[in-house]
C-alpha atoms as a PDB file:
ATOM      1  CA  MET A   1      -6.405  54.310 -10.275  1.00  0.00           C
ATOM      2  CA  LEU A   2      -4.011  51.517  -9.349  1.00  0.00           C
ATOM      3  CA  ASP A   3      -0.323  52.251  -8.935  1.00  0.00           C
ATOM      4  CA  GLU A   4       2.520  49.747  -9.076  1.00  0.00           C
ATOM      5  CA  LEU A   5       2.349  48.985  -5.336  1.00  0.00           C
ATOM      6  CA  ASP A   6      -1.380  48.199  -5.595  1.00  0.00           C
ATOM      7  CA  ARG A   7      -0.714  45.913  -8.557  1.00  0.00           C
ATOM      8  CA  ALA A   8       2.137  44.160  -6.759  1.00  0.00           C
ATOM      9  CA  LEU A   9      -0.054  43.619  -3.695  1.00  0.00           C
ATOM     10  CA  LEU A  10      -2.849  42.163  -5.860  1.00  0.00           C
ATOM     11  CA  ARG A  11      -0.351  39.836  -7.571  1.00  0.00           C
ATOM     12  CA  GLU A  12       0.925  38.594  -4.214  1.00  0.00           C
ATOM     13  CA  LEU A  13      -2.570  38.012  -2.848  1.00  0.00           C
ATOM     14  CA  SER A  14      -3.692  36.289  -6.058  1.00  0.00           C
ATOM     15  CA  THR A  15      -0.839  33.826  -5.670  1.00  0.00           C
ATOM     16  CA  ASN A  16      -1.457  33.088  -1.990  1.00  0.00           C
ATOM     17  CA  ALA A  17      -3.845  35.131   0.165  1.00  0.00           C
ATOM     18  CA  ARG A  18      -2.695  33.328   3.317  1.00  0.00           C
ATOM     19  CA  VAL A  19       0.776  34.854   3.335  1.00  0.00           C
ATOM     20  CA  PRO A  20       1.036  37.225   6.298  1.00  0.00           C
ATOM     21  CA  LEU A  21       0.899  40.898   5.380  1.00  0.00           C
ATOM     22  CA  ALA A  22       4.266  41.426   7.104  1.00  0.00           C
ATOM     23  CA  GLU A  23       5.851  38.884   4.718  1.00  0.00           C
ATOM     24  CA  ILE A  24       4.328  40.588   1.658  1.00  0.00           C
ATOM     25  CA  ALA A  25       5.537  43.969   2.974  1.00  0.00           C
ATOM     26  CA  ARG A  26       9.053  42.544   3.350  1.00  0.00           C
ATOM     27  CA  ARG A  27       9.001  41.165  -0.209  1.00  0.00           C
ATOM     28  CA  LEU A  28       7.775  44.465  -1.635  1.00  0.00           C
ATOM     29  CA  GLY A  29      10.081  46.601   0.515  1.00  0.00           C
ATOM     30  CA  VAL A  30       7.380  48.713   2.182  1.00  0.00           C
ATOM     31  CA  ALA A  31       6.070  49.154   5.710  1.00  0.00           C
ATOM     32  CA  ARG A  32       3.377  46.753   6.874  1.00  0.00           C
ATOM     33  CA  THR A  33       1.132  49.684   7.862  1.00  0.00           C
ATOM     34  CA  THR A  34       1.417  51.121   4.340  1.00  0.00           C
ATOM     35  CA  LEU A  35       0.403  47.767   2.898  1.00  0.00           C
ATOM     36  CA  ALA A  36      -2.478  47.415   5.368  1.00  0.00           C
ATOM     37  CA  GLU A  37      -3.828  50.812   4.266  1.00  0.00           C
ATOM     38  CA  ARG A  38      -3.502  49.822   0.596  1.00  0.00           C
ATOM     39  CA  LEU A  39      -5.249  46.522   1.240  1.00  0.00           C
ATOM     40  CA  GLU A  40      -8.151  48.285   2.953  1.00  0.00           C
ATOM     41  CA  LYS A  41      -8.399  50.731   0.027  1.00  0.00           C
ATOM     42  CA  LEU A  42      -8.467  47.851  -2.482  1.00  0.00           C
ATOM     43  CA  GLU A  43     -11.166  46.047  -0.503  1.00  0.00           C
ATOM     44  CA  ARG A  44     -13.325  49.187  -0.172  1.00  0.00           C
ATOM     45  CA  GLY A  45     -12.849  49.938  -3.882  1.00  0.00           C
ATOM     46  CA  GLY A  46     -14.128  46.492  -4.877  1.00  0.00           C
ATOM     47  CA  PHE A  47     -10.821  45.345  -6.397  1.00  0.00           C
ATOM     48  CA  ILE A  48     -10.818  42.434  -3.954  1.00  0.00           C
ATOM     49  CA  LYS A  49     -14.137  40.581  -3.902  1.00  0.00           C
ATOM     50  CA  GLY A  50     -13.206  38.275  -1.047  1.00  0.00           C
ATOM     51  CA  TYR A  51     -10.870  35.581   0.221  1.00  0.00           C
ATOM     52  CA  ARG A  52     -11.567  31.891  -0.145  1.00  0.00           C
ATOM     53  CA  ALA A  53      -9.951  28.495  -0.295  1.00  0.00           C
ATOM     54  CA  GLN A  54      -9.462  27.098  -3.775  1.00  0.00           C
ATOM     55  CA  VAL A  55     -10.858  23.582  -3.392  1.00  0.00           C
ATOM     56  CA  ASN A  56      -9.652  20.705  -5.567  1.00  0.00           C
ATOM     57  CA  PRO A  57     -12.790  19.131  -7.148  1.00  0.00           C
ATOM     58  CA  HIS A  58     -10.931  15.856  -7.789  1.00  0.00           C
ATOM     59  CA  LYS A  59     -10.261  15.414  -4.054  1.00  0.00           C
ATOM     60  CA  LEU A  60     -14.033  15.737  -3.475  1.00  0.00           C
ATOM     61  CA  GLY A  61     -14.734  12.912  -5.906  1.00  0.00           C
ATOM     62  CA  TYR A  62     -15.516  14.972  -9.006  1.00  0.00           C
ATOM     63  CA  ARG A  63     -13.770  13.141 -11.836  1.00  0.00           C
ATOM     64  CA  PHE A  64     -15.036  14.860 -14.981  1.00  0.00           C
ATOM     65  CA  VAL A  65     -15.704  18.422 -16.078  1.00  0.00           C
ATOM     66  CA  ALA A  66     -17.870  19.544 -18.980  1.00  0.00           C
ATOM     67  CA  PHE A  67     -18.964  22.795 -20.528  1.00  0.00           C
ATOM     68  CA  ILE A  68     -22.599  22.842 -21.562  1.00  0.00           C
ATOM     69  CA  LEU A  69     -24.036  25.387 -23.960  1.00  0.00           C
ATOM     70  CA  VAL A  70     -27.756  25.945 -23.471  1.00  0.00           C
ATOM     71  CA  LYS A  71     -30.119  27.520 -25.969  1.00  0.00           C
ATOM     72  CA  ALA A  72     -33.066  28.959 -24.033  1.00  0.00           C
ATOM     73  CA  ARG A  73     -36.528  29.960 -25.098  1.00  0.00           C
ATOM     74  CA  ARG A  74     -36.483  33.694 -25.654  1.00  0.00           C
ATOM     75  CA  GLY A  75     -39.079  35.385 -23.529  1.00  0.00           C
ATOM     76  CA  GLY A  76     -38.086  38.881 -22.535  1.00  0.00           C
ATOM     77  CA  LEU A  77     -38.105  39.981 -18.923  1.00  0.00           C
ATOM     78  CA  ARG A  78     -39.952  38.459 -15.994  1.00  0.00           C
ATOM     79  CA  GLY A  79     -39.844  41.233 -13.481  1.00  0.00           C
ATOM     80  CA  GLU A  80     -36.286  42.536 -13.543  1.00  0.00           C
ATOM     81  CA  LYS A  81     -34.660  39.303 -14.744  1.00  0.00           C
ATOM     82  CA  SER A  82     -34.425  37.791 -18.194  1.00  0.00           C
ATOM     83  CA  ASN A  83     -35.723  34.327 -18.976  1.00  0.00           C
ATOM     84  CA  GLN A  84     -32.109  33.210 -19.439  1.00  0.00           C
ATOM     85  CA  GLU A  85     -31.069  34.508 -16.023  1.00  0.00           C
ATOM     86  CA  LEU A  86     -34.009  32.805 -14.313  1.00  0.00           C
ATOM     87  CA  LEU A  87     -33.222  29.532 -16.090  1.00  0.00           C
ATOM     88  CA  ALA A  88     -29.557  29.675 -15.032  1.00  0.00           C
ATOM     89  CA  GLU A  89     -30.533  30.405 -11.431  1.00  0.00           C
ATOM     90  CA  LYS A  90     -33.025  27.494 -11.435  1.00  0.00           C
ATOM     91  CA  ILE A  91     -30.433  25.051 -12.797  1.00  0.00           C
ATOM     92  CA  VAL A  92     -27.827  26.136 -10.220  1.00  0.00           C
ATOM     93  CA  ALA A  93     -30.339  25.945  -7.348  1.00  0.00           C
ATOM     94  CA  ASP A  94     -31.542  22.489  -8.405  1.00  0.00           C
ATOM     95  CA  CYS A  95     -27.982  21.181  -8.729  1.00  0.00           C
ATOM     96  CA  ASN A  96     -26.975  22.639  -5.351  1.00  0.00           C
ATOM     97  CA  SER A  97     -29.928  21.016  -3.605  1.00  0.00           C
ATOM     98  CA  ARG A  98     -29.551  17.447  -4.959  1.00  0.00           C
ATOM     99  CA  SER A  99     -26.534  15.233  -4.410  1.00  0.00           C
ATOM    100  CA  SER A 100     -27.269  13.231  -7.576  1.00  0.00           C
ATOM    101  CA  MET A 101     -26.834  16.324  -9.760  1.00  0.00           C
ATOM    102  CA  PRO A 102     -23.643  17.863 -11.126  1.00  0.00           C
ATOM    103  CA  TRP A 103     -21.876  20.666  -9.304  1.00  0.00           C
ATOM    104  CA  VAL A 104     -22.296  23.814 -11.405  1.00  0.00           C
ATOM    105  CA  GLU A 105     -19.076  25.733 -10.820  1.00  0.00           C
ATOM    106  CA  GLU A 106     -19.971  28.525 -13.247  1.00  0.00           C
ATOM    107  CA  ALA A 107     -23.067  29.746 -15.063  1.00  0.00           C
ATOM    108  CA  HIS A 108     -22.858  32.572 -17.608  1.00  0.00           C
ATOM    109  CA  ILE A 109     -25.302  34.330 -19.910  1.00  0.00           C
ATOM    110  CA  ILE A 110     -23.470  34.609 -23.219  1.00  0.00           C
ATOM    111  CA  THR A 111     -23.821  36.067 -26.704  1.00  0.00           C
ATOM    112  CA  GLY A 112     -24.118  34.072 -29.894  1.00  0.00           C
ATOM    113  CA  GLU A 113     -26.178  31.087 -30.923  1.00  0.00           C
ATOM    114  CA  TYR A 114     -26.496  29.819 -27.354  1.00  0.00           C
ATOM    115  CA  ASP A 115     -27.698  31.723 -24.291  1.00  0.00           C
ATOM    116  CA  LEU A 116     -26.008  30.036 -21.321  1.00  0.00           C
ATOM    117  CA  LEU A 117     -22.633  28.489 -20.654  1.00  0.00           C
ATOM    118  CA  LEU A 118     -22.391  26.098 -17.708  1.00  0.00           C
ATOM    119  CA  LYS A 119     -19.210  24.622 -16.280  1.00  0.00           C
ATOM    120  CA  VAL A 120     -20.236  21.428 -14.507  1.00  0.00           C
ATOM    121  CA  TRP A 121     -18.378  18.779 -12.541  1.00  0.00           C
ATOM    122  CA  VAL A 122     -19.627  15.199 -12.173  1.00  0.00           C
ATOM    123  CA  ARG A 123     -18.494  12.208 -10.184  1.00  0.00           C
ATOM    124  CA  GLU A 124     -19.611   9.610 -12.723  1.00  0.00           C
ATOM    125  CA  TRP A 125     -20.717   9.652 -16.362  1.00  0.00           C
ATOM    126  CA  GLU A 126     -24.184   8.506 -15.299  1.00  0.00           C
ATOM    127  CA  GLU A 127     -24.601  11.752 -13.356  1.00  0.00           C
ATOM    128  CA  LEU A 128     -23.915  13.782 -16.508  1.00  0.00           C
ATOM    129  CA  THR A 129     -26.114  11.486 -18.596  1.00  0.00           C
ATOM    130  CA  ASN A 130     -29.061  11.897 -16.215  1.00  0.00           C
ATOM    131  CA  PHE A 131     -28.561  15.649 -16.133  1.00  0.00           C
ATOM    132  CA  LEU A 132     -28.539  15.923 -19.940  1.00  0.00           C
ATOM    133  CA  ILE A 133     -31.244  13.440 -20.920  1.00  0.00           C
ATOM    134  CA  ARG A 134     -33.570  13.507 -17.920  1.00  0.00           C
ATOM    135  CA  TYR A 135     -33.241  16.834 -16.105  1.00  0.00           C
ATOM    136  CA  MET A 136     -32.565  19.384 -18.866  1.00  0.00           C
ATOM    137  CA  PRO A 137     -35.386  18.306 -21.250  1.00  0.00           C
ATOM    138  CA  LYS A 138     -37.931  18.731 -18.423  1.00  0.00           C
ATOM    139  CA  HIS A 139     -37.376  22.504 -18.522  1.00  0.00           C
ATOM    140  CA  PRO A 140     -39.770  24.113 -20.997  1.00  0.00           C
ATOM    141  CA  ASP A 141     -37.283  26.982 -21.406  1.00  0.00           C
ATOM    142  CA  VAL A 142     -34.452  24.685 -22.569  1.00  0.00           C
ATOM    143  CA  VAL A 143     -34.525  24.492 -26.366  1.00  0.00           C
ATOM    144  CA  GLN A 144     -31.197  22.755 -27.020  1.00  0.00           C
ATOM    145  CA  THR A 145     -27.915  21.832 -25.345  1.00  0.00           C
ATOM    146  CA  HIS A 146     -24.425  21.193 -26.654  1.00  0.00           C
ATOM    147  CA  THR A 147     -21.949  19.459 -24.343  1.00  0.00           C
ATOM    148  CA  MET A 148     -18.162  19.585 -24.515  1.00  0.00           C
ATOM    149  CA  LEU A 149     -16.189  17.224 -22.290  1.00  0.00           C
ATOM    150  CA  VAL A 150     -12.833  18.347 -20.965  1.00  0.00           C
ATOM    151  CA  LEU A 151     -10.064  15.904 -21.795  1.00  0.00           C
ATOM    152  CA  LYS A 152      -7.287  17.779 -20.020  1.00  0.00           C
ATOM    153  CA  THR A 153      -7.046  21.162 -18.332  1.00  0.00           C
ATOM    154  CA  VAL A 154      -3.971  23.061 -19.443  1.00  0.00           C
ATOM    155  CA  HIS A 155      -4.515  26.265 -17.473  1.00  0.00           C
ATOM    156  CA  GLU A 156      -6.987  27.637 -14.952  1.00  0.00           C
ATOM    157  CA  GLY A 157      -6.480  31.181 -13.793  1.00  0.00           C
ATOM    158  CA  THR A 158      -7.445  32.302 -10.335  1.00  0.00           C
ATOM    159  CA  ALA A 159      -7.281  36.021 -10.980  1.00  0.00           C
ATOM    160  CA  PRO A 160      -6.469  38.378 -13.829  1.00  0.00           C
ATOM    161  CA  PRO A 161      -3.045  39.946 -13.797  1.00  0.00           C
ATOM    162  CA  PRO A 162      -3.314  43.377 -12.141  1.00  0.00           C
END
């Protein structure tokens, strides 16, 4: 169970994980050693999955973002994984291994009419076009796609409020 100090620590780290623990302790009015113990407890408990830099895709040349809904052929399990999970993993692996492919930031198995939701970044429209009309139809497990282009991002959260 999280108490208010745990929640405050998570809020601080979600805002900027590079702030020294001593500074966070000062802001929260507790001893640094107390905060260090809490941080270790949160890490061991799985509340903190890791620490990473939040990279700006635009600075890396990615100009456009799209969400792609994918309807997959239903096929049950192959080993311990569903057909949808295997398809998502294949798409991500292919995109990660080829510079001419989009960067798949997120891949989710979802409920509803479609089976997968992909968040993809592309440098040029041609990259997205090739992905949608050349790459995706080659997969026998892809039945249909529906693409939504992002015009403007209003909000992107980095972490849920504790």
